[in-house]
Protein backbone atom coordinates (compact mmCIF):
# COMPACT_ATOMS: atom_id res chain seq x y z
CA MET A 1 -32.57 -6.90 235.63
CA SER A 2 -31.33 -5.33 232.50
CA VAL A 3 -33.33 -2.88 230.47
CA ARG A 4 -33.44 -5.33 227.56
CA THR A 5 -35.06 -8.02 229.71
CA VAL A 6 -37.68 -5.59 230.99
CA LEU A 7 -38.44 -4.39 227.46
CA ALA A 8 -38.70 -7.97 226.19
CA VAL A 9 -41.19 -8.85 228.94
CA VAL A 10 -43.24 -5.70 228.31
CA LEU A 11 -43.28 -6.41 224.56
CA ALA A 12 -44.31 -10.04 225.12
CA LEU A 13 -47.17 -8.96 227.42
CA ALA A 14 -48.33 -6.37 224.89
CA LEU A 15 -48.36 -8.94 222.08
CA CYS A 16 -50.26 -11.45 224.21
CA SER A 17 -52.87 -8.89 225.25
CA VAL A 18 -53.48 -8.02 221.60
CA SER A 19 -53.63 -11.61 220.33
CA VAL A 20 -55.84 -13.23 223.02
CA PRO A 21 -59.09 -11.56 221.85
CA ALA A 22 -58.34 -12.60 218.27
CA ILE A 23 -57.73 -16.20 219.36
CA ASP A 24 -61.01 -16.26 221.35
CA HIS A 25 -62.86 -14.85 218.35
CA ALA A 26 -61.39 -17.55 216.09
CA ARG A 27 -62.39 -20.27 218.58
CA ARG A 28 -65.97 -18.93 218.67
CA ASP A 29 -66.08 -18.75 214.87
CA ARG A 30 -64.90 -22.34 214.54
CA ALA A 31 -67.49 -23.56 217.07
CA THR A 32 -70.19 -21.59 215.22
CA TYR A 33 -69.11 -23.19 211.95
CA ARG A 34 -69.25 -26.70 213.46
CA ALA A 35 -72.68 -26.20 215.07
CA ASP A 36 -74.11 -24.61 211.92
CA ALA A 37 -72.73 -27.46 209.79
CA GLU A 38 -74.42 -30.05 212.02
CA LEU A 39 -77.79 -28.29 211.74
CA ALA A 40 -77.32 -27.86 207.98
CA THR A 41 -76.93 -31.64 207.70
CA VAL A 42 -80.14 -32.20 209.68
CA SER A 43 -81.99 -29.57 207.62
CA ARG A 44 -80.83 -31.11 204.31
CA SER A 45 -81.88 -34.57 205.48
CA MET A 46 -85.33 -33.23 206.39
CA THR A 47 -85.63 -31.54 203.00
CA ASP A 48 -84.65 -34.79 201.25
CA LEU A 49 -87.55 -36.49 203.02
CA ALA A 50 -90.02 -33.98 201.53
CA ASP A 51 -90.09 -35.85 198.21
CA GLU A 52 -91.01 -39.13 199.89
CA THR A 53 -94.42 -40.48 200.88
CA ALA A 54 -95.42 -39.99 204.48
CA VAL A 55 -96.61 -42.98 206.52
CA ARG A 56 -99.56 -42.54 208.87
CA PHE A 57 -98.28 -42.33 212.44
CA GLY A 58 -100.65 -45.11 213.49
CA ASP A 59 -99.05 -47.41 210.89
CA LEU A 60 -95.66 -47.36 212.61
CA PRO A 61 -95.05 -50.86 213.99
CA PRO A 62 -95.02 -50.87 217.81
CA THR A 63 -92.19 -53.36 218.22
CA GLY A 64 -89.37 -54.80 216.16
CA GLY A 65 -88.52 -54.28 212.53
CA GLY A 66 -88.47 -50.53 212.81
CA PRO A 67 -90.94 -48.18 211.19
CA ARG A 68 -91.88 -48.42 207.56
CA GLY A 69 -91.63 -45.40 205.31
CA ALA A 70 -89.12 -42.72 204.49
CA ARG A 71 -86.33 -42.09 206.95
CA ARG A 72 -82.82 -40.72 207.20
CA VAL A 73 -80.26 -41.44 209.91
CA VAL A 74 -78.05 -38.50 210.88
CA SER A 75 -75.11 -38.37 213.29
CA LEU A 76 -74.79 -35.21 215.35
CA SER A 77 -71.17 -34.81 216.42
CA LEU A 78 -70.35 -31.89 218.68
CA PRO A 79 -66.68 -31.41 219.51
CA PRO A 80 -65.41 -30.74 223.02
CA GLU A 81 -64.10 -27.30 223.92
CA SER A 82 -60.41 -27.08 223.06
CA VAL A 83 -57.64 -24.65 222.27
CA THR A 84 -58.95 -24.32 218.70
CA VAL A 85 -62.73 -24.74 219.18
CA GLY A 86 -64.98 -22.77 221.53
CA ARG A 87 -67.70 -24.36 223.65
CA ILE A 88 -70.97 -25.24 221.93
CA GLU A 89 -73.63 -24.80 224.62
CA PHE A 90 -76.33 -26.74 222.77
CA VAL A 91 -77.79 -27.86 219.49
CA ALA A 92 -81.59 -28.22 219.55
CA ILE A 93 -83.98 -29.82 217.08
CA GLY A 94 -87.65 -28.86 217.16
CA GLY A 95 -87.41 -25.69 219.25
CA VAL A 96 -85.23 -23.50 221.43
CA PRO A 97 -84.62 -24.65 225.02
CA GLY A 98 -86.23 -22.38 227.60
CA ARG A 99 -88.32 -20.44 225.08
CA GLN A 100 -91.87 -20.64 223.92
CA SER A 101 -92.21 -22.21 220.51
CA LEU A 102 -90.92 -20.15 217.58
CA LYS A 103 -92.78 -22.35 215.13
CA ASP A 104 -95.52 -21.04 212.92
CA ASP A 105 -97.85 -22.40 210.25
CA PHE A 106 -94.89 -22.77 207.90
CA GLY A 107 -92.68 -25.03 209.98
CA ASP A 108 -90.42 -25.47 212.96
CA VAL A 109 -86.93 -24.49 214.07
CA LEU A 110 -83.47 -25.89 214.66
CA ALA A 111 -81.21 -23.87 216.97
CA TYR A 112 -77.76 -23.70 218.53
CA ARG A 113 -75.76 -21.46 220.83
CA VAL A 114 -72.02 -21.07 221.18
CA ALA A 115 -70.59 -19.79 224.48
CA GLY A 116 -70.24 -16.02 224.31
CA GLY A 117 -72.73 -15.76 221.45
CA SER A 118 -76.45 -15.49 220.90
CA THR A 119 -78.85 -18.29 220.01
CA ARG A 120 -79.00 -18.87 216.26
CA VAL A 121 -82.19 -20.24 214.73
CA ARG A 122 -82.73 -22.01 211.41
CA HIS A 123 -86.30 -22.47 210.13
CA VAL A 124 -87.39 -25.69 208.44
CA PRO A 125 -90.66 -26.08 206.49
CA PHE A 126 -91.90 -29.03 208.56
CA ASP A 127 -93.58 -29.73 211.84
CA VAL A 128 -90.83 -31.42 213.88
CA ARG A 129 -91.64 -33.63 216.86
CA ILE A 130 -89.47 -35.74 219.14
CA ALA A 131 -90.60 -39.33 219.69
CA THR A 132 -89.34 -42.19 221.83
CA ARG A 133 -90.29 -45.82 222.11
CA SER A 134 -92.46 -46.55 225.15
CA GLU A 135 -90.89 -48.86 227.74
CA THR A 136 -94.19 -50.58 228.55
CA ASP A 137 -95.79 -51.53 225.23
CA GLY A 138 -93.08 -50.71 222.68
CA GLY A 139 -95.32 -48.11 221.02
CA TRP A 140 -94.23 -44.58 220.20
CA THR A 141 -94.62 -41.60 222.53
CA VAL A 142 -94.54 -38.17 220.87
CA ARG A 143 -93.44 -35.22 222.99
CA PRO A 144 -95.62 -32.13 223.05
CA ASP A 145 -94.78 -29.46 220.51
CA GLY A 146 -92.09 -27.09 221.76
CA GLU A 147 -90.08 -29.76 223.61
CA PRO A 148 -86.92 -29.99 221.52
CA LEU A 149 -84.24 -32.63 221.42
CA VAL A 150 -81.25 -30.89 223.03
CA VAL A 151 -77.69 -32.13 222.56
CA HIS A 152 -74.87 -30.65 224.65
CA ALA A 153 -71.20 -30.80 223.63
CA PRO A 154 -69.16 -32.90 223.71
CA ALA A 155 -71.47 -35.52 222.29
CA ARG A 156 -72.19 -37.82 219.39
CA ARG A 157 -75.83 -38.73 218.92
CA ASP A 158 -77.33 -40.78 216.09
CA ILE A 159 -80.90 -39.78 215.29
CA ALA A 160 -83.40 -41.02 212.75
CA LEU A 161 -85.73 -38.67 210.90
CA LEU A 162 -89.05 -40.28 209.95
CA LEU A 163 -91.63 -38.68 207.66
CA VAL A 164 -95.11 -39.39 209.00
CA GLU A 165 -98.64 -38.08 208.80
CA TYR A 166 -99.33 -36.98 212.39
CA ARG A 167 -102.62 -35.32 213.33
CA GLY A 168 -103.30 -34.44 209.71
CA ARG A 169 -99.92 -32.83 209.03
CA ARG A 170 -96.74 -34.02 207.37
CA THR A 171 -94.39 -34.24 210.32
CA VAL A 172 -90.76 -35.19 210.76
CA LEU A 173 -90.38 -37.38 213.83
CA VAL A 174 -86.93 -37.30 215.41
CA VAL A 175 -86.13 -40.53 217.26
CA PRO A 176 -82.97 -41.99 218.76
CA ALA A 177 -81.55 -44.23 216.01
CA ALA A 178 -80.90 -46.99 218.55
CA GLN A 179 -84.67 -47.33 219.13
CA LEU A 180 -85.43 -48.35 215.54
């Protein structure tokens, strides 16, 4: 091998070793941006509901026709890991997976984590609960507080946000949009 070839290979390796960390950082930043944007959309939709009138939880119709009252439908779209986007481990609504509730008297949390990063938490001024339609009677089943809706990438999930009066508090119920 000639000296020029050896120098070219050494230079190429040096450039690659310098640029790989920067590329990984950019991928993580892009994934963070995407996850944060998804939760910002959910948070804005919840805030928009604040001006509406809450429906008593017991007034939600058990079957057909969907619930009455204020609601917003939001699509969560988490991209797959790629050359340009890092891996989004999860996006959670209503808590942080594997942790005791971070909620307080002032509201609940939305959270996400990108691979190689820490869990990021966004507070919302509402009690947030996850609800599903019961298979047996078509009524609604509300999960205990602290059991979030967790979405893992890659995924697209349509959810409906319903403003209800649940146990004396204005609460945002998060339900799969397909169950309305």
